[in-house]
């Protein structure tokens, strides 16, 4: 598991931009993004692996389209 501070996310990944990430964090309790967020004191960290699992789920990955 790699935890990336929000301010350094774009050093590792182009998407989402920092503002978009902050929007996801702000609404984490309603959009399911809370599974990706770790808070240590005042620092907000993103669990990189959990982020991509969450992103795939948002895209309908693994859902039956029958």
Protein backbone atom coordinates (compact mmCIF):
# COMPACT_ATOMS: atom_id res chain seq x y z
CA UNK A 1 0.00 0.00 0.00
CA UNK A 2 1.36 3.37 -0.98
CA UNK A 3 -0.10 6.45 0.68
CA UNK A 4 0.35 9.66 -1.30
CA UNK A 5 -0.28 13.13 0.15
CA UNK A 6 -2.90 15.06 -1.80
CA UNK A 7 -0.34 17.78 -2.56
CA UNK A 8 1.97 15.21 -4.20
CA UNK A 9 -0.65 13.15 -6.06
CA UNK A 10 0.06 14.86 -9.39
CA UNK A 11 3.77 14.08 -9.07
CA UNK A 12 2.73 10.44 -9.54
CA UNK A 13 -0.51 10.61 -11.56
CA UNK A 14 -1.90 13.09 -14.07
CA UNK A 15 -5.53 12.49 -13.12
CA UNK A 16 -7.39 13.73 -11.19
CA UNK A 17 -5.91 17.18 -10.69
CA UNK A 18 -5.50 18.34 -7.11
CA UNK A 19 -8.73 20.36 -7.17
CA UNK A 20 -10.68 17.36 -8.39
CA UNK A 21 -9.12 15.20 -5.71
CA UNK A 22 -10.11 17.71 -3.04
CA UNK A 23 -13.68 17.67 -4.38
CA UNK A 24 -13.75 13.88 -4.09
CA UNK A 25 -12.40 14.11 -0.53
CA UNK A 26 -14.95 16.76 0.47
CA UNK A 27 -17.80 14.51 -0.71
CA UNK A 28 -16.14 11.25 0.40
CA UNK A 29 -19.00 10.20 2.67
CA UNK A 30 -21.51 10.28 -0.18
CA UNK A 31 -19.43 9.08 -3.14
CA UNK A 32 -17.63 6.15 -1.51
CA UNK A 33 -14.23 7.84 -1.74
CA UNK A 34 -13.81 7.48 2.03
CA UNK A 35 -12.31 4.05 1.33
CA UNK A 36 -9.35 5.81 -0.33
CA UNK A 37 -8.69 8.54 2.22
CA UNK A 38 -6.40 8.18 5.22
CA UNK A 39 -5.97 11.03 7.67
CA UNK A 40 -2.88 11.30 9.83
CA UNK A 41 -3.13 14.38 11.98
CA UNK A 42 -3.80 17.20 9.53
CA UNK A 43 -2.33 15.34 6.57
CA UNK A 44 -4.70 13.82 4.06
CA UNK A 45 -3.28 10.82 2.25
CA UNK A 46 -4.68 8.84 -0.65
CA UNK A 47 -4.34 5.06 -0.68
CA UNK A 48 -3.16 4.59 -4.26
CA UNK A 49 -4.39 1.00 -4.68
CA UNK A 50 -7.78 1.81 -3.13
CA UNK A 51 -8.10 4.81 -5.46
CA UNK A 52 -7.82 2.66 -8.57
CA UNK A 53 -10.25 0.08 -7.18
CA UNK A 54 -12.69 2.93 -6.47
CA UNK A 55 -12.16 4.45 -9.94
CA UNK A 56 -12.83 1.10 -11.63
CA UNK A 57 -16.02 0.68 -9.60
CA UNK A 58 -17.20 4.17 -10.64
CA UNK A 59 -16.66 3.25 -14.25
CA UNK A 60 -18.90 0.22 -13.96
CA UNK A 61 -15.99 -2.21 -14.04
CA UNK A 62 -17.08 -5.67 -13.05
CA UNK A 63 -20.80 -4.93 -13.30
CA UNK A 64 -23.03 -7.10 -15.41
CA UNK A 65 -24.44 -5.19 -18.37
CA UNK A 66 -26.85 -7.93 -19.45
